[in-house]
Amino acid sequence: MIRSIEEIQSSLGLRPEELEPYGHNKAKVRLDTLKRLQGAPDGRLVLVTAINPTPAGEGKTVTTIGLGDALASLGKRTIVNIREPSLGPVFGVKGGGAGGGMARAVPGEELNLHFTGDFHAITAAHNLLAALLDAHVFHGNQLGFGPHGVAWQRVLDVTDRSLRSVVTGLGGSINGTPREASFAITAASEVMATVAASRSLEGLSERLARLVIGTRTDGTPITAGELGAVPSMVLLLRDAMNPNLIQTAAGTPLFAHTGPFGNLATGHNSVASDEMALKLADIVVTEAGFGSDLGFEKFCHLVAPALGRSPSAVVVVATVRALKSNSALVPRLVPGKPLPKELEDENLPALADGAANLKRHVENVRQFGLPVVVAVNRFPSDSKAELEMLESLAKSFGASACAVSEVFAKGGAEGGRALGEAVLSVLESEKPSFKPLYSLDMKLEAKLDTVVKKVYGGAGISFKGSAKKKLGELEKRGFGNLPLCVAKTPFSLSHDPKLRGAPTGFQFEVDDVDVAAAAGFVRVFSGGIMVMPGFGAHPSALDVSFDADGTVRGLKI
């Protein structure tokens, strides 16, 4: 049942003056509410991750929302936390990030399209810095940027491959000095990751001041703080820092805030929204981007330290079709093309073979000292024999529990009851003993080697070009104590989407490295990962329409 935003506010114990309404069904919660809630006890955090998916996605957001609804129906004061969707996937192949069926965020269309303007604010702040930097160089370059020392690209929240590599400053000296430049999608912006990691405007200012925007001829970094750009950037980001409050279709409170991609950045909603939710609820169900090899690992090494809290339990979402696609017994899937019909046919040998992928993801969570519940997101084509096999395999792999979820078709109260009960049982019976896989005082290469071997299953690292040298230079420049954020394909545990299942013995290929000092990590790029995606032959944007009364048709929620 859809409730007014005032009802949602009242049910959480928020004061009217702490809300800034955006229309009738959504609002921002003022960031300074955290100060009032500081002494309140924390609820428990349930983190939702997944196996390696098909290009169509396996319903992780659907499961996150449905689990929240299930726990609420079981009498637990629950808040769901998700990221804000990027327009790139919304108008691409995958669709929006509001869940679906009976397990969705409301208002879903508004969440997927502009919402409260946070993405626009981040885009503007990012590009303002780029404009200020170019103006500085044009008017004398007092900070001494080297000939190729500008390292700050521009961003756009629309997928556009033609902007991956561009030349700016053409048309004569009045338009600046020509140079090679590039665009990334807004979800890959360091400003996005910095907002997600900050819990106050003061903290945001301190982080942005450390943002590296280029280098001098001698290689020393130049920061946004030195340029003097931080106050104007924070002014643009001031409202975007406030978490967004909406609800699920079942009336469960839901925070949707920030949207860093899981394959490029931290893949998690904001620290501020998680902290706020933990002070307001018994249980917070929060989502990490993609699988245990991406969003989950990054949550453990990047988000948890910033949040100052670790999960009490982890849910790994699996599907029959994705595990079959992880088997060499079925054709390899191609992103941008429809899933092959044979994935809908019962194929127990392929399921058993591809289940090695689930085993690795369960083991990944376990080695961080956290309890695991496997949620099997059921599709209509799944056979009884396949579901029974998958449940049995999940438990044999070390999962504390496994439950079939039908929240898309039946909603959380009915379709997620078994999953909700399994999560509650694990929360009561198992105590987490969270431990990161590496310490911050380790060398950067040693940290990467740890992740490659313990999380991905690789044998070692293969550096391309000057990547290894750059890693050493970052150590010398004082960035060696930062954690790593690896940008790689979500379709394999390795760097290569062709390596399915649970590959071993491979050399993890590193294309490039750089530092995101404001966000607080060193980025490692692998497998030709791109920060600006491109549309496929038939993007979802071509299927969208609307009626005379404004009703939207064809938008994948």
Protein backbone atom coordinates (compact mmCIF):
# COMPACT_ATOMS: atom_id res chain seq x y z
CA MET A 1 0.00 0.00 0.00
CA ILE A 2 1.47 3.35 -1.05
CA ARG A 3 1.78 5.76 1.87
CA SER A 4 2.31 9.51 1.86
CA ILE A 5 5.85 10.69 2.41
CA GLU A 6 4.65 12.23 5.69
CA GLU A 7 3.51 8.78 6.87
CA ILE A 8 6.89 7.32 5.98
CA GLN A 9 8.61 10.15 7.85
CA SER A 10 6.44 9.67 10.92
CA SER A 11 6.92 5.89 10.97
CA LEU A 12 10.69 6.37 11.12
CA GLY A 13 10.58 8.95 13.90
CA LEU A 14 11.86 11.72 11.68
CA ARG A 15 10.76 15.27 12.48
CA PRO A 16 8.83 17.28 9.87
CA GLU A 17 11.52 19.94 9.74
CA GLU A 18 14.11 17.26 8.88
CA LEU A 19 12.39 16.58 5.55
CA GLU A 20 12.61 18.62 2.36
CA PRO A 21 9.68 17.36 0.21
CA TYR A 22 10.10 16.97 -3.54
CA GLY A 23 6.47 16.75 -4.60
CA HIS A 24 4.06 14.40 -2.84
CA ASN A 25 5.91 11.09 -2.86
CA LYS A 26 9.59 11.76 -2.27
CA ALA A 27 11.73 13.90 -0.02
CA LYS A 28 15.27 14.58 1.01
CA VAL A 29 16.27 14.07 4.62
CA ARG A 30 18.52 16.83 5.89
CA LEU A 31 22.07 15.67 6.45
CA ASP A 32 22.26 17.31 9.88
CA THR A 33 19.65 14.78 11.07
CA LEU A 34 22.65 12.52 11.65
CA LYS A 35 23.73 14.78 14.51
CA ARG A 36 20.42 14.27 16.33
CA LEU A 37 20.57 10.51 15.75
CA GLN A 38 24.18 10.15 16.83
CA GLY A 39 23.42 8.52 20.17
CA ALA A 40 20.75 6.12 18.87
CA PRO A 41 21.61 2.40 18.76
CA ASP A 42 22.47 0.82 15.41
CA GLY A 43 20.31 -1.67 13.61
CA ARG A 44 21.82 -4.62 11.78
CA LEU A 45 23.11 -4.40 8.22
CA VAL A 46 22.25 -7.06 5.63
CA LEU A 47 24.29 -6.71 2.44
CA VAL A 48 22.95 -8.11 -0.85
CA THR A 49 25.42 -9.23 -3.52
CA ALA A 50 25.26 -11.80 -6.33
CA ILE A 51 26.95 -14.30 -8.60
CA ASN A 52 28.30 -13.26 -12.02
CA PRO A 53 25.18 -12.30 -13.97
CA THR A 54 23.86 -12.53 -17.49
CA PRO A 55 23.88 -9.15 -19.33
CA ALA A 56 20.17 -8.81 -18.50
CA GLY A 57 20.81 -8.88 -14.74
CA GLU A 58 19.57 -11.44 -12.25
CA GLY A 59 17.22 -9.43 -10.04
CA LYS A 60 19.55 -8.25 -7.29
CA THR A 61 17.67 -4.99 -6.78
CA VAL A 62 14.36 -6.89 -6.96
CA THR A 63 15.64 -9.26 -4.27
CA THR A 64 16.96 -6.38 -2.13
CA ILE A 65 13.59 -4.62 -2.18
CA GLY A 66 11.60 -7.85 -1.79
CA LEU A 67 13.71 -8.94 1.18
CA GLY A 68 13.12 -5.58 2.83
CA ASP A 69 9.37 -6.00 2.33
CA ALA A 70 9.55 -9.56 3.68
CA LEU A 71 11.37 -8.50 6.84
CA ALA A 72 8.88 -5.66 7.37
CA SER A 73 5.98 -8.12 7.03
CA LEU A 74 7.66 -10.29 9.68
CA GLY A 75 7.48 -7.42 12.17
CA LYS A 76 10.95 -5.92 11.80
CA ARG A 77 11.35 -2.17 11.38
CA THR A 78 13.19 -2.25 8.07
CA ILE A 79 14.70 0.23 5.65
CA VAL A 80 15.90 -0.64 2.14
CA ASN A 81 18.93 1.20 0.74
CA ILE A 82 19.72 1.25 -2.98
CA ARG A 83 21.61 3.40 -5.46
CA GLU A 84 20.10 5.95 -7.81
CA PRO A 85 19.96 4.65 -11.40
CA SER A 86 22.09 6.09 -14.19
CA LEU A 87 20.41 7.13 -17.42
CA GLY A 88 22.97 5.07 -19.36
CA PRO A 89 21.58 1.65 -18.33
CA VAL A 90 18.01 3.03 -18.08
CA PHE A 91 18.03 3.83 -21.80
CA GLY A 92 20.41 0.99 -22.70
CA VAL A 93 19.89 -2.77 -22.46
CA LYS A 94 19.66 -3.44 -18.75
CA GLY A 95 16.93 -0.95 -17.91
CA GLY A 96 16.39 0.98 -14.69
CA GLY A 97 17.40 0.36 -11.12
CA ALA A 98 14.05 0.53 -9.32
CA GLY A 99 13.38 -3.20 -9.01
CA GLY A 100 10.37 -4.67 -10.76
CA GLY A 101 7.11 -6.55 -10.53
CA MET A 102 5.80 -6.48 -6.96
CA ALA A 103 9.24 -5.73 -5.54
CA ARG A 104 9.95 -2.23 -6.77
CA ALA A 105 10.69 1.27 -5.56
CA VAL A 106 7.95 3.90 -5.78
CA PRO A 107 7.88 6.24 -7.67
CA GLY A 108 9.88 4.06 -10.04
CA GLU A 109 9.68 6.24 -13.14
CA GLU A 110 10.81 9.33 -11.26
CA LEU A 111 13.65 7.39 -9.61
CA ASN A 112 14.88 6.32 -13.04
CA LEU A 113 14.40 9.71 -14.69
CA HIS A 114 16.10 12.72 -13.04
CA PHE A 115 14.63 11.96 -9.55
CA THR A 116 15.76 14.80 -7.23
CA GLY A 117 18.53 16.05 -9.51
CA ASP A 118 21.49 14.48 -7.70
CA PHE A 119 23.10 13.15 -10.88
CA HIS A 120 22.76 16.57 -12.50
CA ALA A 121 24.39 18.25 -9.51
CA ILE A 122 27.31 15.82 -9.59
CA THR A 123 27.68 16.25 -13.35
CA ALA A 124 27.67 20.05 -12.96
CA ALA A 125 30.20 20.05 -10.11
CA HIS A 126 32.51 17.69 -11.99
CA ASN A 127 32.36 19.76 -15.20
CA LEU A 128 32.69 23.05 -13.32
CA LEU A 129 36.03 21.79 -12.05
CA ALA A 130 37.05 20.89 -15.61
CA ALA A 131 36.09 24.37 -16.84
CA LEU A 132 37.95 26.10 -14.00
CA LEU A 133 41.01 23.98 -14.71
CA ASP A 134 41.00 24.84 -18.42
CA ALA A 135 40.50 28.54 -17.64
CA HIS A 136 43.43 28.43 -15.23
CA VAL A 137 45.73 26.95 -17.87
CA PHE A 138 44.48 29.43 -20.50
CA HIS A 139 45.17 32.42 -18.24
CA GLY A 140 48.76 31.68 -17.35
CA ASN A 141 48.98 28.23 -15.73
CA GLN A 142 50.31 29.51 -12.40
CA LEU A 143 50.08 26.03 -10.85
CA GLY A 144 52.42 24.69 -13.49
CA PHE A 145 50.48 21.90 -15.20
CA GLY A 146 52.86 19.92 -17.39
CA PRO A 147 52.40 19.68 -21.20
CA HIS A 148 50.35 16.52 -20.70
CA GLY A 149 49.57 17.15 -17.05
CA VAL A 150 45.81 17.76 -17.17
CA ALA A 151 44.18 14.58 -15.83
CA TRP A 152 40.57 15.65 -15.25
CA GLN A 153 38.05 14.51 -17.85
CA ARG A 154 34.44 15.62 -18.26
CA VAL A 155 31.32 13.54 -17.55
CA LEU A 156 27.84 13.02 -18.96
CA ASP A 157 25.03 10.77 -17.70
CA VAL A 158 24.12 9.51 -21.16
CA THR A 159 25.90 6.64 -22.87
CA ASP A 160 27.91 8.08 -25.80
CA ARG A 161 30.89 6.16 -27.19
CA SER A 162 31.82 9.03 -29.53
CA LEU A 163 32.93 11.06 -26.49
CA ARG A 164 35.39 8.48 -25.16
CA SER A 165 38.27 10.27 -26.86
CA VAL A 166 37.95 13.85 -28.12
CA VAL A 167 40.06 16.91 -28.90
CA THR A 168 39.17 20.19 -27.21
CA GLY A 169 40.32 23.76 -27.81
CA LEU A 170 40.03 23.75 -31.58
CA GLY A 171 39.23 26.91 -33.56
CA GLY A 172 42.15 29.17 -32.72
CA SER A 173 43.87 30.45 -29.59
CA ILE A 174 40.75 32.26 -28.37
CA ASN A 175 39.26 28.79 -27.64
CA GLY A 176 42.20 27.52 -25.61
CA THR A 177 45.05 25.16 -26.38
CA PRO A 178 44.09 22.04 -28.34
CA ARG A 179 44.56 18.85 -26.34
CA GLU A 180 43.31 15.30 -26.22
CA ALA A 181 40.51 14.85 -23.69
CA SER A 182 37.76 12.39 -22.80
CA PHE A 183 34.36 11.92 -21.22
CA ALA A 184 33.22 9.35 -18.65
CA ILE A 185 29.69 8.51 -17.58
CA THR A 186 28.62 10.39 -14.43
CA ALA A 187 28.36 7.17 -12.41
CA ALA A 188 32.12 6.72 -12.94
CA SER A 189 32.95 10.24 -11.74
CA GLU A 190 35.25 10.55 -8.76
CA VAL A 191 32.91 13.28 -7.52
CA MET A 192 30.12 10.67 -7.41
CA ALA A 193 32.26 8.28 -5.35
CA THR A 194 33.36 11.16 -3.10
CA VAL A 195 29.77 12.22 -2.37
CA ALA A 196 28.94 8.56 -1.65
CA ALA A 197 31.82 8.33 0.84
CA SER A 198 31.09 11.60 2.69
CA ARG A 199 28.78 12.10 5.67
CA SER A 200 28.97 15.90 6.05
CA LEU A 201 29.61 19.01 3.98
CA GLU A 202 32.81 19.58 5.94
CA GLY A 203 33.96 16.07 5.17
CA LEU A 204 33.04 16.51 1.51
CA SER A 205 35.08 19.73 1.35
CA GLU A 206 38.11 18.03 2.90
CA ARG A 207 37.88 15.15 0.45
CA LEU A 208 37.40 17.30 -2.64
CA ALA A 209 40.42 19.41 -1.68
CA ARG A 210 42.54 16.25 -2.11
CA LEU A 211 41.17 15.52 -5.59
CA VAL A 212 44.08 15.14 -8.03
CA ILE A 213 43.36 17.00 -11.28
CA GLY A 214 46.77 16.84 -12.90
CA THR A 215 50.52 16.89 -12.48
CA ARG A 216 53.42 19.31 -12.82
CA THR A 217 56.35 18.62 -15.08
CA ASP A 218 58.16 16.90 -12.19
CA GLY A 219 55.21 14.58 -11.62
CA THR A 220 53.96 16.12 -8.38
CA PRO A 221 50.14 16.16 -8.13
CA ILE A 222 47.96 19.27 -8.42
CA THR A 223 44.68 19.23 -6.49
CA ALA A 224 41.27 20.85 -6.69
CA GLY A 225 42.08 22.51 -3.36
CA GLU A 226 45.10 24.27 -4.88
CA LEU A 227 42.95 25.46 -7.76
CA GLY A 228 40.45 26.97 -5.31
CA ALA A 229 37.51 25.10 -6.87
CA VAL A 230 36.16 23.33 -3.78
CA PRO A 231 33.72 25.94 -2.33
CA SER A 232 31.84 26.35 -5.62
CA MET A 233 31.72 22.57 -6.13
CA VAL A 234 30.31 22.02 -2.64
CA LEU A 235 27.73 24.73 -3.29
CA LEU A 236 26.47 22.72 -6.26
CA LEU A 237 26.56 19.47 -4.26
CA ARG A 238 24.96 20.80 -1.08
CA ASP A 239 21.45 19.46 -1.74
CA ALA A 240 22.72 16.29 -3.41
CA MET A 241 24.38 15.31 -0.12
CA ASN A 242 20.97 14.89 1.54
CA PRO A 243 19.71 11.26 1.28
CA ASN A 244 16.51 10.68 -0.72
CA LEU A 245 13.57 9.01 1.04
CA ILE A 246 10.86 7.14 -0.87
CA GLN A 247 9.22 3.72 -0.35
CA THR A 248 8.68 0.31 -1.87
CA ALA A 249 5.40 -0.70 -3.52
CA ALA A 250 4.56 -2.43 -0.23
CA GLY A 251 5.13 0.76 1.79
CA THR A 252 8.55 -0.10 3.27
CA PRO A 253 10.77 3.00 3.71
CA LEU A 254 13.55 3.18 1.14
CA PHE A 255 16.62 5.41 0.77
CA ALA A 256 17.96 5.87 -2.79
CA HIS A 257 21.13 7.92 -2.81
CA THR A 258 24.17 8.28 -5.10
CA GLY A 259 24.92 5.85 -7.89
CA PRO A 260 28.53 4.79 -8.45
CA PHE A 261 28.83 1.82 -10.84
CA GLY A 262 29.92 -1.46 -9.28
CA ASN A 263 32.28 -2.40 -12.12
CA LEU A 264 34.00 1.03 -12.15
CA ALA A 265 33.68 2.45 -8.64
CA THR A 266 32.42 1.42 -5.19
CA GLY A 267 29.01 0.28 -6.43
CA HIS A 268 27.19 1.29 -3.27
CA ASN A 269 24.74 3.93 -2.07
CA SER A 270 26.01 6.65 0.24
CA VAL A 271 27.61 6.21 3.63
CA ALA A 272 25.28 8.95 4.89
CA SER A 273 22.12 7.07 3.88
CA ASP A 274 23.40 3.81 5.39
CA GLU A 275 24.32 5.50 8.66
CA MET A 276 20.99 7.29 8.83
CA ALA A 277 19.06 4.11 8.09
CA LEU A 278 20.97 2.14 10.73
CA LYS A 279 19.94 4.71 13.35
CA LEU A 280 16.28 4.54 12.31
CA ALA A 281 15.66 0.81 11.72
CA ASP A 282 16.11 -2.64 13.25
CA ILE A 283 17.43 -4.02 9.96
CA VAL A 284 18.84 -2.22 6.92
CA VAL A 285 18.95 -4.13 3.65
CA THR A 286 21.58 -2.54 1.43
CA GLU A 287 22.80 -3.51 -2.03
CA ALA A 288 26.32 -3.80 -3.43
CA GLY A 289 26.91 -3.52 -7.17
CA PHE A 290 27.32 -6.76 -9.12
CA GLY A 291 28.94 -9.76 -7.40
CA SER A 292 31.20 -10.66 -4.51
CA ASP A 293 34.18 -9.99 -6.79
CA LEU A 294 33.12 -6.36 -7.30
CA GLY A 295 30.64 -4.51 -5.09
CA PHE A 296 30.94 -6.85 -2.12
CA GLU A 297 34.75 -6.84 -2.04
CA LYS A 298 34.72 -3.06 -2.41
CA PHE A 299 32.16 -2.70 0.36
CA CYS A 300 34.45 -4.65 2.68
CA HIS A 301 37.63 -2.73 1.84
CA LEU A 302 36.27 0.73 0.94
CA VAL A 303 32.77 1.34 2.28
CA ALA A 304 32.84 -0.47 5.62
CA PRO A 305 35.86 1.53 6.89
CA ALA A 306 34.18 4.81 5.85
CA LEU A 307 30.89 3.71 7.41
CA GLY A 308 32.57 2.36 10.53
CA ARG A 309 30.33 -0.72 10.43
CA SER A 310 30.34 -4.12 8.75
CA PRO A 311 27.47 -6.39 7.62
CA SER A 312 25.80 -8.79 10.03
CA ALA A 313 24.90 -11.12 7.16
CA VAL A 314 25.26 -11.30 3.39
CA VAL A 315 22.71 -12.48 0.82
CA VAL A 316 24.09 -13.87 -2.45
CA VAL A 317 21.52 -13.71 -5.26
CA ALA A 318 21.71 -16.57 -7.76
CA THR A 319 19.57 -17.68 -10.68
CA VAL A 320 19.33 -20.96 -12.51
CA ARG A 321 19.85 -19.27 -15.88
CA ALA A 322 22.97 -17.34 -14.81
CA LEU A 323 24.60 -20.47 -13.40
CA LYS A 324 23.83 -22.39 -16.58
CA SER A 325 25.36 -19.53 -18.56
CA ASN A 326 28.51 -19.95 -16.43
CA SER A 327 28.91 -23.46 -17.82
CA ALA A 328 30.95 -24.40 -20.87
CA LEU A 329 28.06 -26.71 -21.80
CA VAL A 330 25.98 -23.78 -23.15
CA PRO A 331 26.92 -21.08 -25.68
CA ARG A 332 28.64 -17.99 -24.32
CA LEU A 333 26.33 -15.01 -23.92
CA VAL A 334 26.97 -11.79 -25.86
CA PRO A 335 26.20 -8.44 -24.16
CA GLY A 336 23.71 -6.42 -26.18
CA LYS A 337 22.03 -9.49 -27.64
CA PRO A 338 18.95 -11.35 -26.29
CA LEU A 339 19.54 -14.31 -24.00
CA PRO A 340 19.43 -17.62 -25.92
CA LYS A 341 16.17 -19.56 -25.56
CA GLU A 342 18.04 -22.72 -24.54
CA LEU A 343 18.70 -21.15 -21.13
CA GLU A 344 14.99 -21.70 -20.42
CA ASP A 345 15.27 -25.46 -21.02
CA GLU A 346 15.98 -27.78 -18.10
CA ASN A 347 19.69 -28.61 -18.14
CA LEU A 348 20.90 -30.20 -14.92
CA PRO A 349 24.43 -30.99 -16.17
CA ALA A 350 24.96 -27.32 -17.16
CA LEU A 351 23.57 -26.16 -13.82
CA ALA A 352 25.88 -28.49 -11.88
CA ASP A 353 28.86 -27.37 -13.97
CA GLY A 354 28.09 -23.63 -13.72
CA ALA A 355 27.41 -23.85 -9.98
CA ALA A 356 31.16 -23.63 -9.42
CA ASN A 357 30.60 -19.90 -9.84
CA LEU A 358 28.20 -19.84 -6.88
CA LYS A 359 30.65 -21.85 -4.81
CA ARG A 360 33.38 -19.25 -5.33
CA HIS A 361 31.04 -16.38 -4.38
CA VAL A 362 29.93 -18.14 -1.20
CA GLU A 363 33.57 -18.80 -0.31
CA ASN A 364 34.43 -15.16 -1.00
CA VAL A 365 31.89 -13.98 1.55
CA ARG A 366 32.91 -16.61 4.08
CA GLN A 367 36.58 -15.63 4.00
CA PHE A 368 35.60 -12.14 5.20
CA GLY A 369 34.08 -13.82 8.27
CA LEU A 370 30.44 -13.19 7.34
CA PRO A 371 27.39 -15.51 7.30
CA VAL A 372 25.90 -16.29 3.86
CA VAL A 373 22.31 -16.81 2.73
CA VAL A 374 21.76 -17.79 -0.91
CA ALA A 375 18.62 -16.31 -2.47
CA VAL A 376 17.50 -18.14 -5.59
CA ASN A 377 15.61 -15.58 -7.66
CA ARG A 378 13.08 -17.78 -9.41
CA PHE A 379 12.18 -17.35 -13.08
CA PRO A 380 9.10 -18.99 -14.67
CA SER A 381 11.28 -21.33 -16.75
CA ASP A 382 13.07 -22.82 -13.72
CA SER A 383 12.17 -26.49 -13.24
CA LYS A 384 11.52 -28.08 -9.86
CA ALA A 385 14.52 -30.36 -10.34
CA GLU A 386 16.80 -27.39 -11.08
CA LEU A 387 15.63 -25.48 -8.01
CA GLU A 388 16.09 -28.52 -5.77
CA MET A 389 19.58 -29.12 -7.15
CA LEU A 390 20.55 -25.48 -6.65
CA GLU A 391 19.32 -25.42 -3.04
CA SER A 392 21.27 -28.59 -2.26
CA LEU A 393 24.43 -27.28 -3.92
CA ALA A 394 24.25 -23.93 -2.11
CA LYS A 395 24.23 -25.61 1.29
CA SER A 396 27.04 -27.96 0.30
CA PHE A 397 29.13 -24.93 -0.68
CA GLY A 398 28.93 -23.51 2.85
CA ALA A 399 25.86 -21.28 2.76
CA SER A 400 24.12 -21.08 6.12
CA ALA A 401 20.74 -21.16 4.37
CA CYS A 402 19.20 -21.12 0.92
CA ALA A 403 15.70 -19.99 -0.02
CA VAL A 404 13.81 -19.59 -3.27
CA SER A 405 12.59 -16.03 -3.75
CA GLU A 406 9.49 -15.16 -5.76
CA VAL A 407 9.24 -11.52 -4.75
CA PHE A 408 8.91 -10.27 -8.33
CA ALA A 409 5.68 -12.21 -8.92
CA LYS A 410 4.27 -12.43 -5.39
CA GLY A 411 5.79 -9.56 -3.41
CA GLY A 412 7.88 -9.71 -0.26
CA ALA A 413 5.21 -10.74 2.23
CA GLU A 414 4.35 -13.90 0.29
CA GLY A 415 7.12 -14.50 -2.23
CA GLY A 416 9.93 -13.45 0.11
CA ARG A 417 8.74 -14.97 3.37
CA ALA A 418 11.06 -17.99 3.19
CA LEU A 419 14.03 -15.75 2.40
CA GLY A 420 13.13 -13.31 5.18
CA GLU A 421 12.82 -16.13 7.72
CA ALA A 422 16.15 -17.58 6.59
CA VAL A 423 17.89 -14.22 7.02
CA LEU A 424 16.37 -13.68 10.47
CA SER A 425 17.41 -17.18 11.53
CA VAL A 426 21.00 -16.56 10.44
CA LEU A 427 21.08 -13.14 12.13
CA GLU A 428 20.08 -14.78 15.40
CA SER A 429 22.21 -17.93 15.17
CA GLU A 430 25.50 -16.72 13.65
CA LYS A 431 27.78 -13.95 14.83
CA PRO A 432 29.91 -12.27 12.16
CA SER A 433 33.65 -11.99 12.65
CA PHE A 434 34.42 -9.48 9.92
CA LYS A 435 38.01 -9.18 8.75
CA PRO A 436 39.40 -7.49 5.60
CA LEU A 437 41.67 -9.55 3.37
CA TYR A 438 44.47 -6.99 3.35
CA SER A 439 45.75 -4.23 5.62
CA LEU A 440 46.28 -0.67 4.44
CA ASP A 441 49.98 -0.71 5.34
CA MET A 442 50.65 -3.37 2.68
CA LYS A 443 52.19 -2.31 -0.63
CA LEU A 444 49.69 -1.54 -3.38
CA GLU A 445 50.85 -4.46 -5.51
CA ALA A 446 50.57 -6.80 -2.53
CA LYS A 447 46.98 -5.64 -1.95
CA LEU A 448 46.13 -6.31 -5.59
CA ASP A 449 47.83 -9.69 -5.49
CA THR A 450 45.73 -10.59 -2.44
CA VAL A 451 42.46 -9.68 -4.19
CA VAL A 452 43.48 -11.47 -7.40
CA LYS A 453 44.37 -14.70 -5.65
CA LYS A 454 41.82 -14.80 -2.83
CA VAL A 455 38.75 -13.25 -4.53
CA TYR A 456 39.19 -13.80 -8.28
CA GLY A 457 41.04 -17.13 -8.10
CA GLY A 458 43.93 -15.94 -10.28
CA ALA A 459 47.55 -17.01 -10.13
CA GLY A 460 49.17 -13.58 -10.34
CA ILE A 461 49.27 -10.17 -12.03
CA SER A 462 50.34 -9.19 -15.54
CA PHE A 463 50.99 -5.44 -15.94
CA LYS A 464 50.64 -3.80 -19.34
CA GLY A 465 52.63 -0.79 -20.53
CA SER A 466 53.57 1.57 -17.72
CA ALA A 467 50.94 0.33 -15.23
CA LYS A 468 53.47 -1.23 -12.85
CA LYS A 469 55.63 1.90 -12.94
CA LYS A 470 52.59 4.08 -12.19
CA LEU A 471 51.73 1.92 -9.20
CA GLY A 472 55.24 2.48 -7.84
CA GLU A 473 54.96 6.23 -8.44
CA LEU A 474 51.72 6.37 -6.48
CA GLU A 475 53.54 4.70 -3.57
CA LYS A 476 56.26 7.36 -3.74
CA ARG A 477 53.66 10.17 -3.86
CA GLY A 478 52.13 9.03 -0.56
CA PHE A 479 49.09 7.12 -1.85
CA GLY A 480 50.32 3.68 -0.86
CA ASN A 481 48.12 3.50 2.25
CA LEU A 482 44.89 3.68 0.24
CA PRO A 483 42.68 0.66 -0.52
CA LEU A 484 42.13 -0.53 -4.09
CA CYS A 485 39.12 -0.15 -6.35
CA VAL A 486 39.40 -2.56 -9.27
CA ALA A 487 37.51 -1.76 -12.48
CA LYS A 488 36.82 -4.98 -14.37
CA THR A 489 34.13 -6.96 -16.15
CA PRO A 490 31.15 -8.11 -14.04
CA PHE A 491 30.61 -11.15 -16.28
CA SER A 492 33.56 -13.18 -14.98
CA LEU A 493 35.45 -13.59 -11.75
CA SER A 494 38.52 -12.77 -13.84
CA HIS A 495 39.35 -9.82 -16.10
CA ASP A 496 38.15 -11.75 -19.16
CA PRO A 497 34.39 -12.22 -19.73
CA LYS A 498 35.15 -15.34 -21.75
CA LEU A 499 36.42 -17.13 -18.61
CA ARG A 500 33.23 -18.53 -17.11
CA GLY A 501 32.45 -20.46 -13.95
CA ALA A 502 35.27 -20.30 -11.41
CA PRO A 503 38.47 -19.94 -13.44
CA THR A 504 41.89 -20.49 -11.86
CA GLY A 505 45.50 -20.18 -12.93
CA PHE A 506 45.05 -17.01 -15.00
CA GLN A 507 47.22 -13.91 -14.90
CA PHE A 508 45.09 -10.91 -14.02
CA GLU A 509 45.83 -8.26 -16.64
CA VAL A 510 46.23 -4.65 -15.46
CA ASP A 511 45.85 -2.02 -18.17
CA ASP A 512 46.31 1.14 -16.10
CA VAL A 513 46.20 2.62 -12.60
CA ASP A 514 45.44 6.05 -11.18
CA VAL A 515 44.48 7.63 -7.88
CA ALA A 516 41.09 8.84 -6.69
CA ALA A 517 42.42 10.65 -3.63
CA ALA A 518 39.15 12.44 -2.83
CA ALA A 519 37.12 9.22 -2.93
CA GLY A 520 39.91 7.52 -1.00
CA PHE A 521 41.21 4.73 -3.23
CA VAL A 522 43.65 3.74 -5.97
CA ARG A 523 41.92 2.62 -9.17
CA VAL A 524 43.10 -0.40 -11.12
CA PHE A 525 41.75 -0.84 -14.67
CA SER A 526 41.62 -4.27 -16.24
CA GLY A 527 40.21 -6.08 -19.24
CA GLY A 528 39.75 -2.99 -21.39
CA ILE A 529 37.00 -1.70 -19.09
CA MET A 530 35.56 1.57 -20.34
CA VAL A 531 34.38 4.50 -18.22
CA MET A 532 32.03 5.62 -20.99
CA PRO A 533 29.77 2.78 -22.22
CA GLY A 534 28.12 2.72 -25.64
CA PHE A 535 24.57 1.93 -26.71
CA GLY A 536 23.84 -1.38 -28.42
CA ALA A 537 22.13 -1.78 -31.80
CA HIS A 538 18.68 -1.36 -30.26
CA PRO A 539 18.80 0.56 -26.96
CA SER A 540 15.75 0.70 -24.72
CA ALA A 541 15.46 4.43 -25.40
CA LEU A 542 13.94 3.53 -28.78
CA ASP A 543 11.06 1.66 -27.12
CA VAL A 544 9.89 4.45 -24.78
CA SER A 545 6.73 6.44 -25.43
CA PHE A 546 4.03 8.22 -23.47
CA ASP A 547 0.29 8.76 -23.71
CA ALA A 548 -1.57 12.07 -23.97
CA ASP A 549 -2.11 12.02 -20.19
CA GLY A 550 1.62 11.64 -19.58
CA THR A 551 1.64 7.90 -18.79
CA VAL A 552 5.04 6.46 -19.72
CA ARG A 553 5.15 3.30 -21.83
CA GLY A 554 8.03 0.93 -22.50
CA LEU A 555 10.37 2.14 -19.75
CA LYS A 556 12.11 -0.77 -18.02
CA ILE A 557 11.72 0.01 -14.33
